[in-house]
C-alpha atoms as a PDB file:
ATOM      1  CA  MET A   1     119.993 108.400 144.807  1.00  0.00           C
ATOM      2  CA  ALA A   2     117.148 106.722 146.679  1.00  0.00           C
ATOM      3  CA  THR A   3     114.769 109.203 143.551  1.00  0.00           C
ATOM      4  CA  GLU A   4     117.095 106.861 141.182  1.00  0.00           C
ATOM      5  CA  GLN A   5     116.384 104.132 142.292  1.00  0.00           C
ATOM      6  CA  LYS A   6     112.882 104.836 142.728  1.00  0.00           C
ATOM      7  CA  THR A   7     112.597 106.100 139.296  1.00  0.00           C
ATOM      8  CA  SER A   8     114.593 102.583 137.423  1.00  0.00           C
ATOM      9  CA  GLU A   9     112.274 101.191 140.261  1.00  0.00           C
ATOM     10  CA  GLN A  10     109.149 102.387 138.008  1.00  0.00           C
ATOM     11  CA  ALA A  11     110.629 102.460 134.858  1.00  0.00           C
ATOM     12  CA  THR A  12     110.830  98.771 135.159  1.00  0.00           C
ATOM     13  CA  ALA A  13     107.759  98.185 136.446  1.00  0.00           C
ATOM     14  CA  GLY A  14     106.548 100.529 133.448  1.00  0.00           C
ATOM     15  CA  SER A  15     108.243  98.347 130.640  1.00  0.00           C
ATOM     16  CA  SER A  16     106.614  95.109 132.923  1.00  0.00           C
ATOM     17  CA  ALA A  17     103.205  96.501 131.965  1.00  0.00           C
ATOM     18  CA  GLN A  18     104.104  97.383 128.846  1.00  0.00           C
ATOM     19  CA  THR A  19     105.131  93.764 128.049  1.00  0.00           C
ATOM     20  CA  GLY A  20     102.784  92.409 129.480  1.00  0.00           C
ATOM     21  CA  SER A  21      99.944  94.634 128.561  1.00  0.00           C
ATOM     22  CA  ALA A  22     101.786  93.669 124.872  1.00  0.00           C
ATOM     23  CA  MET A  23     101.004  89.901 125.459  1.00  0.00           C
ATOM     24  CA  THR A  24      98.042  89.917 125.762  1.00  0.00           C
ATOM     25  CA  ARG A  25      96.817  92.016 123.153  1.00  0.00           C
ATOM     26  CA  ARG A  26      99.352  89.499 121.010  1.00  0.00           C
ATOM     27  CA  GLY A  27      96.826  87.107 121.385  1.00  0.00           C
ATOM     28  CA  GLN A  28      93.505  89.314 121.101  1.00  0.00           C
ATOM     29  CA  ASP A  29      95.222  91.282 117.815  1.00  0.00           C
ATOM     30  CA  SER A  30      94.721  87.952 116.206  1.00  0.00           C
ATOM     31  CA  PRO A  31      92.039  85.085 115.655  1.00  0.00           C
ATOM     32  CA  LEU A  32      95.130  83.415 114.303  1.00  0.00           C
ATOM     33  CA  ASP A  33      97.358  83.198 117.153  1.00  0.00           C
ATOM     34  CA  THR A  34      95.682  82.038 120.182  1.00  0.00           C
ATOM     35  CA  GLY A  35      96.152  80.193 123.890  1.00  0.00           C
ATOM     36  CA  HIS A  36      95.717  77.197 122.357  1.00  0.00           C
ATOM     37  CA  GLY A  37      97.633  78.122 119.167  1.00  0.00           C
ATOM     38  CA  GLN A  38      98.272  79.228 115.670  1.00  0.00           C
ATOM     39  CA  THR A  39      96.989  78.711 113.219  1.00  0.00           C
ATOM     40  CA  THR A  40      99.299  79.773 109.767  1.00  0.00           C
ATOM     41  CA  ILE A  41      97.618  80.462 106.094  1.00  0.00           C
ATOM     42  CA  ASN A  42      99.593  79.821 103.050  1.00  0.00           C
ATOM     43  CA  ASP A  43     100.252  82.119  99.927  1.00  0.00           C
ATOM     44  CA  GLN A  44      98.213  80.545  97.617  1.00  0.00           C
ATOM     45  CA  VAL A  45      95.164  80.773  99.669  1.00  0.00           C
ATOM     46  CA  VAL A  46      95.156  84.598 100.415  1.00  0.00           C
ATOM     47  CA  SER A  47      95.747  85.461  96.733  1.00  0.00           C
ATOM     48  CA  LYS A  48      92.608  82.922  95.572  1.00  0.00           C
ATOM     49  CA  VAL A  49      90.642  85.089  97.484  1.00  0.00           C
ATOM     50  CA  ALA A  50      92.022  88.208  96.226  1.00  0.00           C
ATOM     51  CA  GLY A  51      91.474  87.114  92.997  1.00  0.00           C
ATOM     52  CA  ILE A  52      87.784  86.311  93.016  1.00  0.00           C
ATOM     53  CA  ALA A  53      87.336  89.663  95.446  1.00  0.00           C
ATOM     54  CA  ALA A  54      88.018  92.094  92.182  1.00  0.00           C
ATOM     55  CA  ARG A  55      86.163  89.184  90.151  1.00  0.00           C
ATOM     56  CA  GLU A  56      83.069  90.154  91.811  1.00  0.00           C
ATOM     57  CA  VAL A  57      83.200  93.801  91.179  1.00  0.00           C
ATOM     58  CA  PRO A  58      81.407  95.377  88.377  1.00  0.00           C
ATOM     59  CA  GLY A  59      83.515  97.020  85.599  1.00  0.00           C
ATOM     60  CA  VAL A  60      86.705  93.831  86.107  1.00  0.00           C
ATOM     61  CA  HIS A  61      87.195  92.051  82.491  1.00  0.00           C
ATOM     62  CA  VAL A  62      90.204  90.354  83.975  1.00  0.00           C
ATOM     63  CA  LEU A  63      92.633  90.442  86.046  1.00  0.00           C
ATOM     64  CA  GLY A  64      96.635  89.878  84.326  1.00  0.00           C
ATOM     65  CA  GLY A  65      98.070  92.116  81.583  1.00  0.00           C
ATOM     66  CA  GLY A  66      98.734  90.298  78.070  1.00  0.00           C
ATOM     67  CA  ALA A  67     102.177  88.695  79.697  1.00  0.00           C
ATOM     68  CA  SER A  68     100.511  87.231  82.334  1.00  0.00           C
ATOM     69  CA  ARG A  69      97.657  86.302  80.990  1.00  0.00           C
ATOM     70  CA  ALA A  70      99.250  84.340  78.644  1.00  0.00           C
ATOM     71  CA  PHE A  71     101.862  82.751  80.444  1.00  0.00           C
ATOM     72  CA  GLY A  72      98.932  81.298  83.820  1.00  0.00           C
ATOM     73  CA  ALA A  73      96.701  80.153  80.283  1.00  0.00           C
ATOM     74  CA  MET A  74      99.916  77.852  79.706  1.00  0.00           C
ATOM     75  CA  THR A  75     100.544  76.905  82.998  1.00  0.00           C
ATOM     76  CA  GLN A  76      96.710  75.718  83.832  1.00  0.00           C
ATOM     77  CA  ARG A  77      96.823  74.056  80.375  1.00  0.00           C
ATOM     78  CA  VAL A  78     100.074  71.711  82.542  1.00  0.00           C
ATOM     79  CA  GLY A  79      98.134  72.223  85.094  1.00  0.00           C
ATOM     80  CA  LEU A  80     100.307  74.131  87.393  1.00  0.00           C
ATOM     81  CA  GLY A  81      98.519  76.844  86.821  1.00  0.00           C
ATOM     82  CA  ASP A  82      94.857  78.701  88.837  1.00  0.00           C
ATOM     83  CA  GLU A  83      92.616  80.962  86.824  1.00  0.00           C
ATOM     84  CA  ARG A  84      91.984  82.213  90.355  1.00  0.00           C
ATOM     85  CA  SER A  85      95.050  83.269  91.565  1.00  0.00           C
ATOM     86  CA  GLN A  86      95.858  84.891  87.851  1.00  0.00           C
ATOM     87  CA  GLY A  87      97.090  88.133  88.142  1.00  0.00           C
ATOM     88  CA  VAL A  88      97.486  88.383  91.701  1.00  0.00           C
ATOM     89  CA  SER A  89     100.238  88.762  94.083  1.00  0.00           C
ATOM     90  CA  VAL A  90     100.414  88.364  97.479  1.00  0.00           C
ATOM     91  CA  GLU A  91     102.727  88.330 100.662  1.00  0.00           C
ATOM     92  CA  VAL A  92     101.660  87.529 103.993  1.00  0.00           C
ATOM     93  CA  GLY A  93     103.043  87.431 107.208  1.00  0.00           C
ATOM     94  CA  GLU A  94     101.669  86.482 110.423  1.00  0.00           C
ATOM     95  CA  LYS A  95      99.239  88.093 111.017  1.00  0.00           C
ATOM     96  CA  GLU A  96      99.078  90.762 107.837  1.00  0.00           C
ATOM     97  CA  ALA A  97      99.060  90.355 104.181  1.00  0.00           C
ATOM     98  CA  ALA A  98      99.849  93.554 101.204  1.00  0.00           C
ATOM     99  CA  VAL A  99      98.083  92.433  98.194  1.00  0.00           C
ATOM    100  CA  ASP A 100      99.078  93.389  94.497  1.00  0.00           C
ATOM    101  CA  LEU A 101      96.733  92.825  91.732  1.00  0.00           C
ATOM    102  CA  ARG A 102      97.334  93.466  87.614  1.00  0.00           C
ATOM    103  CA  LEU A 103      93.516  93.873  85.580  1.00  0.00           C
ATOM    104  CA  ILE A 104      91.460  95.207  83.106  1.00  0.00           C
ATOM    105  CA  VAL A 105      88.592  97.047  83.022  1.00  0.00           C
ATOM    106  CA  GLU A 106      85.921  97.774  80.956  1.00  0.00           C
ATOM    107  CA  TYR A 107      85.602 100.485  78.944  1.00  0.00           C
ATOM    108  CA  GLY A 108      83.378 103.391  79.821  1.00  0.00           C
ATOM    109  CA  GLU A 109      83.850 102.632  84.011  1.00  0.00           C
ATOM    110  CA  SER A 110      85.482 104.800  86.228  1.00  0.00           C
ATOM    111  CA  ILE A 111      88.660 103.694  87.155  1.00  0.00           C
ATOM    112  CA  PRO A 112      88.884 105.576  90.310  1.00  0.00           C
ATOM    113  CA  GLN A 113      85.659 104.065  91.488  1.00  0.00           C
ATOM    114  CA  VAL A 114      86.677 100.417  89.868  1.00  0.00           C
ATOM    115  CA  ALA A 115      89.549 100.673  92.218  1.00  0.00           C
ATOM    116  CA  GLU A 116      88.281 101.260  95.330  1.00  0.00           C
ATOM    117  CA  ALA A 117      84.945  98.941  94.603  1.00  0.00           C
ATOM    118  CA  ILE A 118      88.131  96.539  94.460  1.00  0.00           C
ATOM    119  CA  ARG A 119      90.426  97.600  97.098  1.00  0.00           C
ATOM    120  CA  ASN A 120      87.191  97.112  99.836  1.00  0.00           C
ATOM    121  CA  ASN A 121      86.227  93.918  98.366  1.00  0.00           C
ATOM    122  CA  VAL A 122      89.511  92.328  98.952  1.00  0.00           C
ATOM    123  CA  ILE A 123      90.111  94.250 102.917  1.00  0.00           C
ATOM    124  CA  LYS A 124      86.721  92.379 103.151  1.00  0.00           C
ATOM    125  CA  ARG A 125      86.433  89.332 102.446  1.00  0.00           C
ATOM    126  CA  ILE A 126      90.390  88.482 102.779  1.00  0.00           C
ATOM    127  CA  GLU A 127      89.907  89.986 106.692  1.00  0.00           C
ATOM    128  CA  GLY A 128      86.434  87.931 106.779  1.00  0.00           C
ATOM    129  CA  ILE A 129      87.825  84.582 105.768  1.00  0.00           C
ATOM    130  CA  THR A 130      91.345  84.876 106.136  1.00  0.00           C
ATOM    131  CA  GLY A 131      91.564  86.844 109.977  1.00  0.00           C
ATOM    132  CA  LEU A 132      94.415  88.529 108.346  1.00  0.00           C
ATOM    133  CA  SER A 133      94.796  92.152 108.370  1.00  0.00           C
ATOM    134  CA  VAL A 134      95.225  93.469 104.974  1.00  0.00           C
ATOM    135  CA  THR A 135      97.386  96.401 105.356  1.00  0.00           C
ATOM    136  CA  GLU A 136      97.108  97.642 101.060  1.00  0.00           C
ATOM    137  CA  VAL A 137      95.748  96.591  98.543  1.00  0.00           C
ATOM    138  CA  ASN A 138      97.684  97.980  95.196  1.00  0.00           C
ATOM    139  CA  ILE A 139      96.245  98.327  91.782  1.00  0.00           C
ATOM    140  CA  ALA A 140      97.647  98.133  88.134  1.00  0.00           C
ATOM    141  CA  VAL A 141      94.615  98.349  85.297  1.00  0.00           C
ATOM    142  CA  ASP A 142      97.006  97.092  82.388  1.00  0.00           C
ATOM    143  CA  ASP A 143      94.191  97.841  79.918  1.00  0.00           C
ATOM    144  CA  LEU A 144      90.442  99.475  79.249  1.00  0.00           C
ATOM    145  CA  HIS A 145      88.338  96.416  77.274  1.00  0.00           C
ATOM    146  CA  PHE A 146      86.079  97.387  74.621  1.00  0.00           C
ATOM    147  CA  PRO A 147      82.826  95.344  73.572  1.00  0.00           C
ATOM    148  CA  GLY A 148      83.973  93.225  70.195  1.00  0.00           C
ATOM    149  CA  ASP A 149      87.087  93.240  71.492  1.00  0.00           C
ATOM    150  CA  ASP A 150      87.248  89.203  72.126  1.00  0.00           C
ATOM    151  CA  ASP A 151      84.060  88.453  68.877  1.00  0.00           C
ATOM    152  CA  SER A 152      86.582  86.356  66.247  1.00  0.00           C
ATOM    153  CA  GLN A 153      83.557  86.512  63.795  1.00  0.00           C
ATOM    154  CA  ASP A 154      84.871  89.524  61.815  1.00  0.00           C
ATOM    155  CA  GLU A 155      87.410  87.455  60.057  1.00  0.00           C
ATOM    156  CA  PRO A 156      86.656  84.099  58.498  1.00  0.00           C
ATOM    157  CA  SER A 157      88.939  80.537  59.869  1.00  0.00           C
ATOM    158  CA  ARG A 158      91.053  80.258  57.534  1.00  0.00           C
ATOM    159  CA  VAL A 159      90.827  76.045  58.216  1.00  0.00           C
ATOM    160  CA  GLN A 160      87.159  74.232  58.542  1.00  0.00           C
END
């Protein structure tokens, strides 16, 4: 019986030590949760950071697929959308963020290399600017951009 009581006391002491160290770690794990207060970051902030970081990578033509770009252009005209977060979806928690990107890559670029460069840059920027830990960056390549695709000089204008 004395052995059982000692084992129970050790377990209680061990769990108290674990709880204490978890509390200590919580403040140290995140620069957003300190002893002086807590900082929260809106999803839009993280979306903008991710969008800008992805566009910094060579080989990225634009963010967003065809439908999302058309919808984004329409919402921007009426002042509701922001080009910097077009093609970007995020989930933001207290300490972590997950990012989904849709984009078009320039023809001739290595998609795996561009995707890896995007991941690295997005993680570096989000963690550096916000202090959030990035758990994942998912990338969907919707299309390739070919040189000359944007040229409308081939067809004469119907109106003058």
